[in-house]
Amino acid sequence: VWTVSSGFCFVTFTEHTNAVTALHFTSNNCLLSASLDGTVRAWDLLRYRNFRTFTTPSSRQFVSLAADQSGEVICAGTSDSFEVTISQKLGGF
């Protein structure tokens, strides 16, 4: 994450183990990221930490991501099985 005015990188999130394919910012200081590693992660942008990791019962590679404005409903799409997975209230897939 960079500061726009200076270009200074002030935090790097490294928990994903494969390429990050989609990002979504929510209105409550949260960043969501989807990855080919089969996870969607929720990042706290105030404390700079991963506070929730979403997975599916069977391994999937996520390529798209969307959420409602509050971040309470999260949808992630796959390209391999053409599925959309939905989570409510940051509770898990």
PDB file of N, CA and C in Angstrom:
ATOM      1  N   VAL A   1       0.857  -1.163   0.000  1.00  0.00           N
ATOM      2  CA  VAL A   1       0.000   0.000   0.000  1.00  0.00           C
ATOM      3  C   VAL A   1       0.901   1.223   0.000  1.00  0.00           C
ATOM      4  N   TRP A   2       0.602   2.169  -0.895  1.00  0.00           N
ATOM      5  CA  TRP A   2       1.427   3.355  -1.055  1.00  0.00           C
ATOM      6  C   TRP A   2       0.660   4.612  -0.676  1.00  0.00           C
ATOM      7  N   THR A   3       1.409   5.623  -0.257  1.00  0.00           N
ATOM      8  CA  THR A   3       0.865   6.955  -0.089  1.00  0.00           C
ATOM      9  C   THR A   3       0.877   7.621  -1.458  1.00  0.00           C
ATOM     10  N   VAL A   4      -0.258   8.091  -1.908  1.00  0.00           N
ATOM     11  CA  VAL A   4      -0.369   8.637  -3.253  1.00  0.00           C
ATOM     12  C   VAL A   4       0.509   9.877  -3.432  1.00  0.00           C
ATOM     13  N   SER A   5       0.511  10.759  -2.467  1.00  0.00           N
ATOM     14  CA  SER A   5       1.240  12.027  -2.630  1.00  0.00           C
ATOM     15  C   SER A   5       2.748  11.847  -2.724  1.00  0.00           C
ATOM     16  N   SER A   6       3.310  10.885  -1.975  1.00  0.00           N
ATOM     17  CA  SER A   6       4.769  10.722  -1.963  1.00  0.00           C
ATOM     18  C   SER A   6       5.249   9.483  -2.722  1.00  0.00           C
ATOM     19  N   GLY A   7       4.351   8.529  -2.956  1.00  0.00           N
ATOM     20  CA  GLY A   7       4.762   7.274  -3.580  1.00  0.00           C
ATOM     21  C   GLY A   7       5.435   6.333  -2.599  1.00  0.00           C
ATOM     22  N   PHE A   8       5.413   6.661  -1.304  1.00  0.00           N
ATOM     23  CA  PHE A   8       6.044   5.850  -0.264  1.00  0.00           C
ATOM     24  C   PHE A   8       5.209   4.609   0.037  1.00  0.00           C
ATOM     25  N   CYS A   9       5.834   3.438  -0.012  1.00  0.00           N
ATOM     26  CA  CYS A   9       5.171   2.190   0.360  1.00  0.00           C
ATOM     27  C   CYS A   9       5.255   2.042   1.871  1.00  0.00           C
ATOM     28  N   PHE A  10       4.106   2.032   2.541  1.00  0.00           N
ATOM     29  CA  PHE A  10       4.146   1.965   3.999  1.00  0.00           C
ATOM     30  C   PHE A  10       3.740   0.611   4.555  1.00  0.00           C
ATOM     31  N   VAL A  11       3.226  -0.299   3.747  1.00  0.00           N
ATOM     32  CA  VAL A  11       2.950  -1.662   4.218  1.00  0.00           C
ATOM     33  C   VAL A  11       2.869  -2.589   3.010  1.00  0.00           C
ATOM     34  N   THR A  12       3.392  -3.794   3.177  1.00  0.00           N
ATOM     35  CA  THR A  12       3.306  -4.832   2.163  1.00  0.00           C
ATOM     36  C   THR A  12       2.692  -6.061   2.814  1.00  0.00           C
ATOM     37  N   PHE A  13       1.611  -6.551   2.234  1.00  0.00           N
ATOM     38  CA  PHE A  13       0.966  -7.761   2.740  1.00  0.00           C
ATOM     39  C   PHE A  13       1.529  -8.957   1.981  1.00  0.00           C
ATOM     40  N   THR A  14       1.991  -9.980   2.679  1.00  0.00           N
ATOM     41  CA  THR A  14       2.686 -11.093   2.026  1.00  0.00           C
ATOM     42  C   THR A  14       2.069 -12.460   2.298  1.00  0.00           C
ATOM     43  N   GLU A  15       0.874 -12.517   2.859  1.00  0.00           N
ATOM     44  CA  GLU A  15       0.302 -13.797   3.258  1.00  0.00           C
ATOM     45  C   GLU A  15      -0.169 -14.673   2.102  1.00  0.00           C
ATOM     46  N   HIS A  16      -0.559 -14.095   0.974  1.00  0.00           N
ATOM     47  CA  HIS A  16      -0.981 -14.924  -0.158  1.00  0.00           C
ATOM     48  C   HIS A  16       0.215 -15.723  -0.682  1.00  0.00           C
ATOM     49  N   THR A  17      -0.046 -16.954  -1.125  1.00  0.00           N
ATOM     50  CA  THR A  17       1.028 -17.812  -1.621  1.00  0.00           C
ATOM     51  C   THR A  17       1.011 -17.972  -3.138  1.00  0.00           C
ATOM     52  N   ASN A  18       0.118 -17.243  -3.810  1.00  0.00           N
ATOM     53  CA  ASN A  18       0.056 -17.242  -5.265  1.00  0.00           C
ATOM     54  C   ASN A  18      -0.403 -15.852  -5.696  1.00  0.00           C
ATOM     55  N   ALA A  19      -0.540 -15.628  -6.973  1.00  0.00           N
ATOM     56  CA  ALA A  19      -0.869 -14.312  -7.498  1.00  0.00           C
ATOM     57  C   ALA A  19      -2.190 -13.776  -6.959  1.00  0.00           C
ATOM     58  N   VAL A  20      -2.199 -12.494  -6.629  1.00  0.00           N
ATOM     59  CA  VAL A  20      -3.424 -11.794  -6.246  1.00  0.00           C
ATOM     60  C   VAL A  20      -4.102 -11.351  -7.536  1.00  0.00           C
ATOM     61  N   THR A  21      -5.376 -11.681  -7.673  1.00  0.00           N
ATOM     62  CA  THR A  21      -6.089 -11.431  -8.924  1.00  0.00           C
ATOM     63  C   THR A  21      -7.151 -10.347  -8.830  1.00  0.00           C
ATOM     64  N   ALA A  22      -7.569  -9.984  -7.608  1.00  0.00           N
ATOM     65  CA  ALA A  22      -8.611  -8.968  -7.464  1.00  0.00           C
ATOM     66  C   ALA A  22      -8.517  -8.311  -6.096  1.00  0.00           C
ATOM     67  N   LEU A  23      -8.872  -7.028  -6.055  1.00  0.00           N
ATOM     68  CA  LEU A  23      -8.894  -6.254  -4.809  1.00  0.00           C
ATOM     69  C   LEU A  23     -10.205  -5.498  -4.712  1.00  0.00           C
ATOM     70  N   HIS A  24     -10.632  -5.247  -3.468  1.00  0.00           N
ATOM     71  CA  HIS A  24     -11.831  -4.440  -3.242  1.00  0.00           C
ATOM     72  C   HIS A  24     -11.668  -3.696  -1.916  1.00  0.00           C
ATOM     73  N   PHE A  25     -11.833  -2.370  -1.946  1.00  0.00           N
ATOM     74  CA  PHE A  25     -11.813  -1.570  -0.729  1.00  0.00           C
ATOM     75  C   PHE A  25     -13.236  -1.401  -0.228  1.00  0.00           C
ATOM     76  N   THR A  26     -13.437  -1.531   1.087  1.00  0.00           N
ATOM     77  CA  THR A  26     -14.751  -1.311   1.673  1.00  0.00           C
ATOM     78  C   THR A  26     -14.757   0.027   2.398  1.00  0.00           C
ATOM     79  N   SER A  27     -15.920   0.473   2.794  1.00  0.00           N
ATOM     80  CA  SER A  27     -16.050   1.771   3.459  1.00  0.00           C
ATOM     81  C   SER A  27     -15.609   1.732   4.924  1.00  0.00           C
ATOM     82  N   ASN A  28     -15.328   0.551   5.456  1.00  0.00           N
ATOM     83  CA  ASN A  28     -14.949   0.444   6.875  1.00  0.00           C
ATOM     84  C   ASN A  28     -13.467   0.108   7.047  1.00  0.00           C
ATOM     85  N   ASN A  29     -12.601   0.729   6.240  1.00  0.00           N
ATOM     86  CA  ASN A  29     -11.143   0.572   6.339  1.00  0.00           C
ATOM     87  C   ASN A  29     -10.683  -0.866   6.197  1.00  0.00           C
ATOM     88  N   CYS A  30     -11.272  -1.561   5.266  1.00  0.00           N
ATOM     89  CA  CYS A  30     -10.922  -2.954   5.013  1.00  0.00           C
ATOM     90  C   CYS A  30     -10.569  -3.109   3.534  1.00  0.00           C
ATOM     91  N   LEU A  31      -9.546  -3.894   3.275  1.00  0.00           N
ATOM     92  CA  LEU A  31      -9.171  -4.256   1.917  1.00  0.00           C
ATOM     93  C   LEU A  31      -9.404  -5.753   1.772  1.00  0.00           C
ATOM     94  N   LEU A  32     -10.095  -6.152   0.716  1.00  0.00           N
ATOM     95  CA  LEU A  32     -10.313  -7.560   0.416  1.00  0.00           C
ATOM     96  C   LEU A  32      -9.438  -7.933  -0.763  1.00  0.00           C
ATOM     97  N   SER A  33      -8.828  -9.118  -0.721  1.00  0.00           N
ATOM     98  CA  SER A  33      -7.999  -9.581  -1.829  1.00  0.00           C
ATOM     99  C   SER A  33      -8.329 -11.021  -2.152  1.00  0.00           C
ATOM    100  N   ALA A  34      -8.436 -11.310  -3.455  1.00  0.00           N
ATOM    101  CA  ALA A  34      -8.680 -12.672  -3.931  1.00  0.00           C
ATOM    102  C   ALA A  34      -7.412 -13.146  -4.619  1.00  0.00           C
ATOM    103  N   SER A  35      -7.167 -14.467  -4.538  1.00  0.00           N
ATOM    104  CA  SER A  35      -5.906 -14.982  -5.055  1.00  0.00           C
ATOM    105  C   SER A  35      -6.072 -16.346  -5.707  1.00  0.00           C
ATOM    106  N   LEU A  36      -5.106 -16.664  -6.554  1.00  0.00           N
ATOM    107  CA  LEU A  36      -5.045 -17.998  -7.142  1.00  0.00           C
ATOM    108  C   LEU A  36      -4.677 -19.061  -6.108  1.00  0.00           C
ATOM    109  N   ASP A  37      -4.286 -18.652  -4.894  1.00  0.00           N
ATOM    110  CA  ASP A  37      -3.989 -19.629  -3.840  1.00  0.00           C
ATOM    111  C   ASP A  37      -5.256 -20.194  -3.204  1.00  0.00           C
ATOM    112  N   GLY A  38      -6.439 -19.747  -3.673  1.00  0.00           N
ATOM    113  CA  GLY A  38      -7.701 -20.289  -3.183  1.00  0.00           C
ATOM    114  C   GLY A  38      -8.243 -19.594  -1.956  1.00  0.00           C
ATOM    115  N   THR A  39      -7.716 -18.416  -1.641  1.00  0.00           N
ATOM    116  CA  THR A  39      -8.202 -17.687  -0.474  1.00  0.00           C
ATOM    117  C   THR A  39      -8.664 -16.291  -0.865  1.00  0.00           C
ATOM    118  N   VAL A  40      -9.584 -15.788  -0.064  1.00  0.00           N
ATOM    119  CA  VAL A  40      -9.949 -14.373  -0.062  1.00  0.00           C
ATOM    120  C   VAL A  40      -9.588 -13.897   1.332  1.00  0.00           C
ATOM    121  N   ARG A  41      -8.829 -12.816   1.394  1.00  0.00           N
ATOM    122  CA  ARG A  41      -8.360 -12.318   2.689  1.00  0.00           C
ATOM    123  C   ARG A  41      -8.917 -10.926   2.953  1.00  0.00           C
ATOM    124  N   ALA A  42      -9.230 -10.673   4.219  1.00  0.00           N
ATOM    125  CA  ALA A  42      -9.701  -9.364   4.662  1.00  0.00           C
ATOM    126  C   ALA A  42      -8.583  -8.725   5.472  1.00  0.00           C
ATOM    127  N   TRP A  43      -8.204  -7.517   5.074  1.00  0.00           N
ATOM    128  CA  TRP A  43      -7.085  -6.796   5.687  1.00  0.00           C
ATOM    129  C   TRP A  43      -7.602  -5.572   6.415  1.00  0.00           C
ATOM    130  N   ASP A  44      -7.160  -5.378   7.636  1.00  0.00           N
ATOM    131  CA  ASP A  44      -7.477  -4.195   8.426  1.00  0.00           C
ATOM    132  C   ASP A  44      -6.481  -3.111   8.027  1.00  0.00           C
ATOM    133  N   LEU A  45      -6.953  -2.025   7.425  1.00  0.00           N
ATOM    134  CA  LEU A  45      -6.065  -0.964   6.965  1.00  0.00           C
ATOM    135  C   LEU A  45      -5.709   0.045   8.052  1.00  0.00           C
ATOM    136  N   LEU A  46      -6.198  -0.147   9.262  1.00  0.00           N
ATOM    137  CA  LEU A  46      -5.788   0.681  10.391  1.00  0.00           C
ATOM    138  C   LEU A  46      -4.663   0.016  11.175  1.00  0.00           C
ATOM    139  N   ARG A  47      -4.730  -1.302  11.306  1.00  0.00           N
ATOM    140  CA  ARG A  47      -3.706  -2.065  12.045  1.00  0.00           C
ATOM    141  C   ARG A  47      -2.755  -2.812  11.113  1.00  0.00           C
ATOM    142  N   TYR A  48      -3.040  -2.791   9.804  1.00  0.00           N
ATOM    143  CA  TYR A  48      -2.214  -3.438   8.780  1.00  0.00           C
ATOM    144  C   TYR A  48      -2.013  -4.921   9.068  1.00  0.00           C
ATOM    145  N   ARG A  49      -3.128  -5.630   9.194  1.00  0.00           N
ATOM    146  CA  ARG A  49      -3.054  -7.067   9.457  1.00  0.00           C
ATOM    147  C   ARG A  49      -4.180  -7.796   8.742  1.00  0.00           C
ATOM    148  N   ASN A  50      -3.940  -9.070   8.475  1.00  0.00           N
ATOM    149  CA  ASN A  50      -4.953  -9.954   7.899  1.00  0.00           C
ATOM    150  C   ASN A  50      -5.810 -10.457   9.052  1.00  0.00           C
ATOM    151  N   PHE A  51      -7.080 -10.051   9.092  1.00  0.00           N
ATOM    152  CA  PHE A  51      -7.910 -10.466  10.225  1.00  0.00           C
ATOM    153  C   PHE A  51      -8.893 -11.577   9.886  1.00  0.00           C
ATOM    154  N   ARG A  52      -9.031 -11.929   8.599  1.00  0.00           N
ATOM    155  CA  ARG A  52      -9.911 -13.033   8.244  1.00  0.00           C
ATOM    156  C   ARG A  52      -9.457 -13.623   6.927  1.00  0.00           C
ATOM    157  N   THR A  53      -9.475 -14.954   6.843  1.00  0.00           N
ATOM    158  CA  THR A  53      -9.133 -15.652   5.607  1.00  0.00           C
ATOM    159  C   THR A  53     -10.285 -16.572   5.251  1.00  0.00           C
ATOM    160  N   PHE A  54     -10.795 -16.421   4.041  1.00  0.00           N
ATOM    161  CA  PHE A  54     -11.901 -17.231   3.556  1.00  0.00           C
ATOM    162  C   PHE A  54     -11.368 -18.292   2.604  1.00  0.00           C
ATOM    163  N   THR A  55     -11.870 -19.504   2.750  1.00  0.00           N
ATOM    164  CA  THR A  55     -11.523 -20.602   1.847  1.00  0.00           C
ATOM    165  C   THR A  55     -12.806 -21.350   1.493  1.00  0.00           C
ATOM    166  N   THR A  56     -12.696 -22.255   0.547  1.00  0.00           N
ATOM    167  CA  THR A  56     -13.826 -23.102   0.180  1.00  0.00           C
ATOM    168  C   THR A  56     -13.511 -24.535   0.588  1.00  0.00           C
ATOM    169  N   PRO A  57     -14.533 -25.392   0.701  1.00  0.00           N
ATOM    170  CA  PRO A  57     -14.277 -26.792   1.081  1.00  0.00           C
ATOM    171  C   PRO A  57     -13.352 -27.519   0.108  1.00  0.00           C
ATOM    172  N   SER A  58     -13.457 -27.186  -1.178  1.00  0.00           N
ATOM    173  CA  SER A  58     -12.547 -27.772  -2.160  1.00  0.00           C
ATOM    174  C   SER A  58     -11.723 -26.644  -2.774  1.00  0.00           C
ATOM    175  N   SER A  59     -10.527 -26.950  -3.161  1.00  0.00           N
ATOM    176  CA  SER A  59      -9.596 -25.942  -3.647  1.00  0.00           C
ATOM    177  C   SER A  59     -10.119 -25.240  -4.899  1.00  0.00           C
ATOM    178  N   ARG A  60     -10.066 -23.913  -4.897  1.00  0.00           N
ATOM    179  CA  ARG A  60     -10.495 -23.088  -6.025  1.00  0.00           C
ATOM    180  C   ARG A  60      -9.461 -22.001  -6.239  1.00  0.00           C
ATOM    181  N   GLN A  61      -9.380 -21.499  -7.461  1.00  0.00           N
ATOM    182  CA  GLN A  61      -8.531 -20.356  -7.766  1.00  0.00           C
ATOM    183  C   GLN A  61      -9.442 -19.173  -8.044  1.00  0.00           C
ATOM    184  N   PHE A  62      -9.417 -18.176  -7.172  1.00  0.00           N
ATOM    185  CA  PHE A  62     -10.290 -17.016  -7.319  1.00  0.00           C
ATOM    186  C   PHE A  62      -9.685 -16.004  -8.280  1.00  0.00           C
ATOM    187  N   VAL A  63     -10.522 -15.506  -9.200  1.00  0.00           N
ATOM    188  CA  VAL A  63     -10.050 -14.540 -10.187  1.00  0.00           C
ATOM    189  C   VAL A  63     -10.842 -13.225 -10.165  1.00  0.00           C
ATOM    190  N   SER A  64     -11.946 -13.192  -9.437  1.00  0.00           N
ATOM    191  CA  SER A  64     -12.726 -11.960  -9.353  1.00  0.00           C
ATOM    192  C   SER A  64     -13.276 -11.803  -7.942  1.00  0.00           C
ATOM    193  N   LEU A  65     -13.636 -10.568  -7.617  1.00  0.00           N
ATOM    194  CA  LEU A  65     -14.067 -10.272  -6.259  1.00  0.00           C
ATOM    195  C   LEU A  65     -14.994  -9.068  -6.283  1.00  0.00           C
ATOM    196  N   ALA A  66     -16.054  -9.142  -5.488  1.00  0.00           N
ATOM    197  CA  ALA A  66     -16.969  -8.007  -5.329  1.00  0.00           C
ATOM    198  C   ALA A  66     -17.530  -8.050  -3.919  1.00  0.00           C
ATOM    199  N   ALA A  67     -17.920  -6.904  -3.421  1.00  0.00           N
ATOM    200  CA  ALA A  67     -18.516  -6.833  -2.082  1.00  0.00           C
ATOM    201  C   ALA A  67     -19.495  -5.668  -2.048  1.00  0.00           C
ATOM    202  N   ASP A  68     -20.441  -5.753  -1.126  1.00  0.00           N
ATOM    203  CA  ASP A  68     -21.320  -4.600  -0.954  1.00  0.00           C
ATOM    204  C   ASP A  68     -20.513  -3.493  -0.281  1.00  0.00           C
ATOM    205  N   GLN A  69     -21.082  -2.314  -0.195  1.00  0.00           N
ATOM    206  CA  GLN A  69     -20.338  -1.152   0.291  1.00  0.00           C
ATOM    207  C   GLN A  69     -19.786  -1.348   1.701  1.00  0.00           C
ATOM    208  N   SER A  70     -20.503  -2.045   2.555  1.00  0.00           N
ATOM    209  CA  SER A  70     -20.054  -2.251   3.935  1.00  0.00           C
ATOM    210  C   SER A  70     -19.048  -3.384   4.062  1.00  0.00           C
ATOM    211  N   GLY A  71     -18.937  -4.224   3.036  1.00  0.00           N
ATOM    212  CA  GLY A  71     -18.044  -5.369   3.121  1.00  0.00           C
ATOM    213  C   GLY A  71     -18.661  -6.547   3.838  1.00  0.00           C
ATOM    214  N   GLU A  72     -19.951  -6.493   4.094  1.00  0.00           N
ATOM    215  CA  GLU A  72     -20.625  -7.573   4.814  1.00  0.00           C
ATOM    216  C   GLU A  72     -20.953  -8.758   3.917  1.00  0.00           C
ATOM    217  N   VAL A  73     -21.180  -8.530   2.634  1.00  0.00           N
ATOM    218  CA  VAL A  73     -21.446  -9.607   1.691  1.00  0.00           C
ATOM    219  C   VAL A  73     -20.317  -9.604   0.665  1.00  0.00           C
ATOM    220  N   ILE A  74     -19.610 -10.722   0.565  1.00  0.00           N
ATOM    221  CA  ILE A  74     -18.454 -10.829  -0.321  1.00  0.00           C
ATOM    222  C   ILE A  74     -18.711 -11.946  -1.320  1.00  0.00           C
ATOM    223  N   CYS A  75     -18.414 -11.683  -2.592  1.00  0.00           N
ATOM    224  CA  CYS A  75     -18.552 -12.678  -3.649  1.00  0.00           C
ATOM    225  C   CYS A  75     -17.210 -12.836  -4.348  1.00  0.00           C
ATOM    226  N   ALA A  76     -16.799 -14.066  -4.577  1.00  0.00           N
ATOM    227  CA  ALA A  76     -15.558 -14.337  -5.302  1.00  0.00           C
ATOM    228  C   ALA A  76     -15.860 -15.344  -6.396  1.00  0.00           C
ATOM    229  N   GLY A  77     -15.302 -15.102  -7.577  1.00  0.00           N
ATOM    230  CA  GLY A  77     -15.543 -15.969  -8.717  1.00  0.00           C
ATOM    231  C   GLY A  77     -14.299 -16.735  -9.119  1.00  0.00           C
ATOM    232  N   THR A  78     -14.528 -17.906  -9.707  1.00  0.00           N
ATOM    233  CA  THR A  78     -13.435 -18.750 -10.176  1.00  0.00           C
ATOM    234  C   THR A  78     -13.486 -18.859 -11.689  1.00  0.00           C
ATOM    235  N   SER A  79     -12.359 -19.178 -12.295  1.00  0.00           N
ATOM    236  CA  SER A  79     -12.362 -19.392 -13.740  1.00  0.00           C
ATOM    237  C   SER A  79     -12.313 -20.876 -14.075  1.00  0.00           C
ATOM    238  N   ASP A  80     -11.758 -21.685 -13.170  1.00  0.00           N
ATOM    239  CA  ASP A  80     -11.614 -23.111 -13.459  1.00  0.00           C
ATOM    240  C   ASP A  80     -12.949 -23.852 -13.412  1.00  0.00           C
ATOM    241  N   SER A  81     -13.794 -23.527 -12.458  1.00  0.00           N
ATOM    242  CA  SER A  81     -15.078 -24.224 -12.334  1.00  0.00           C
ATOM    243  C   SER A  81     -16.268 -23.303 -12.606  1.00  0.00           C
ATOM    244  N   PHE A  82     -16.001 -22.037 -12.924  1.00  0.00           N
ATOM    245  CA  PHE A  82     -17.028 -21.044 -13.230  1.00  0.00           C
ATOM    246  C   PHE A  82     -18.067 -20.945 -12.115  1.00  0.00           C
ATOM    247  N   GLU A  83     -17.587 -20.902 -10.878  1.00  0.00           N
ATOM    248  CA  GLU A  83     -18.458 -20.799  -9.713  1.00  0.00           C
ATOM    249  C   GLU A  83     -18.297 -19.444  -9.053  1.00  0.00           C
ATOM    250  N   VAL A  84     -19.349 -18.997  -8.362  1.00  0.00           N
ATOM    251  CA  VAL A  84     -19.300 -17.799  -7.532  1.00  0.00           C
ATOM    252  C   VAL A  84     -19.566 -18.247  -6.104  1.00  0.00           C
ATOM    253  N   THR A  85     -18.702 -17.844  -5.192  1.00  0.00           N
ATOM    254  CA  THR A  85     -18.845 -18.192  -3.785  1.00  0.00           C
ATOM    255  C   THR A  85     -19.225 -16.920  -3.032  1.00  0.00           C
ATOM    256  N   ILE A  86     -20.191 -17.030  -2.124  1.00  0.00           N
ATOM    257  CA  ILE A  86     -20.696 -15.867  -1.401  1.00  0.00           C
ATOM    258  C   ILE A  86     -20.536 -16.074   0.095  1.00  0.00           C
ATOM    259  N   SER A  87     -20.055 -15.043   0.785  1.00  0.00           N
ATOM    260  CA  SER A  87     -19.928 -15.051   2.227  1.00  0.00           C
ATOM    261  C   SER A  87     -20.731 -13.887   2.782  1.00  0.00           C
ATOM    262  N   GLN A  88     -21.388 -14.076   3.915  1.00  0.00           N
ATOM    263  CA  GLN A  88     -22.137 -13.004   4.536  1.00  0.00           C
ATOM    264  C   GLN A  88     -21.511 -12.648   5.877  1.00  0.00           C
ATOM    265  N   LYS A  89     -21.480 -11.352   6.167  1.00  0.00           N
ATOM    266  CA  LYS A  89     -21.015 -10.814   7.446  1.00  0.00           C
ATOM    267  C   LYS A  89     -19.597 -11.259   7.790  1.00  0.00           C
ATOM    268  N   LEU A  90     -18.717 -11.307   6.807  1.00  0.00           N
ATOM    269  CA  LEU A  90     -17.325 -11.697   7.002  1.00  0.00           C
ATOM    270  C   LEU A  90     -17.220 -12.987   7.799  1.00  0.00           C
ATOM    271  N   GLY A  91     -18.180 -13.887   7.632  1.00  0.00           N
ATOM    272  CA  GLY A  91     -18.222 -15.100   8.437  1.00  0.00           C
ATOM    273  C   GLY A  91     -17.501 -16.288   7.833  1.00  0.00           C
ATOM    274  N   GLY A  92     -17.194 -16.283   6.582  1.00  0.00           N
ATOM    275  CA  GLY A  92     -16.510 -17.403   5.950  1.00  0.00           C
ATOM    276  C   GLY A  92     -17.352 -18.008   4.855  1.00  0.00           C
ATOM    277  N   PHE A  93     -16.710 -18.581   3.858  1.00  0.00           N
ATOM    278  CA  PHE A  93     -17.423 -19.149   2.718  1.00  0.00           C
ATOM    279  C   PHE A  93     -18.155 -20.406   3.086  1.00  0.00           C
TER     280      PHE A  93
END
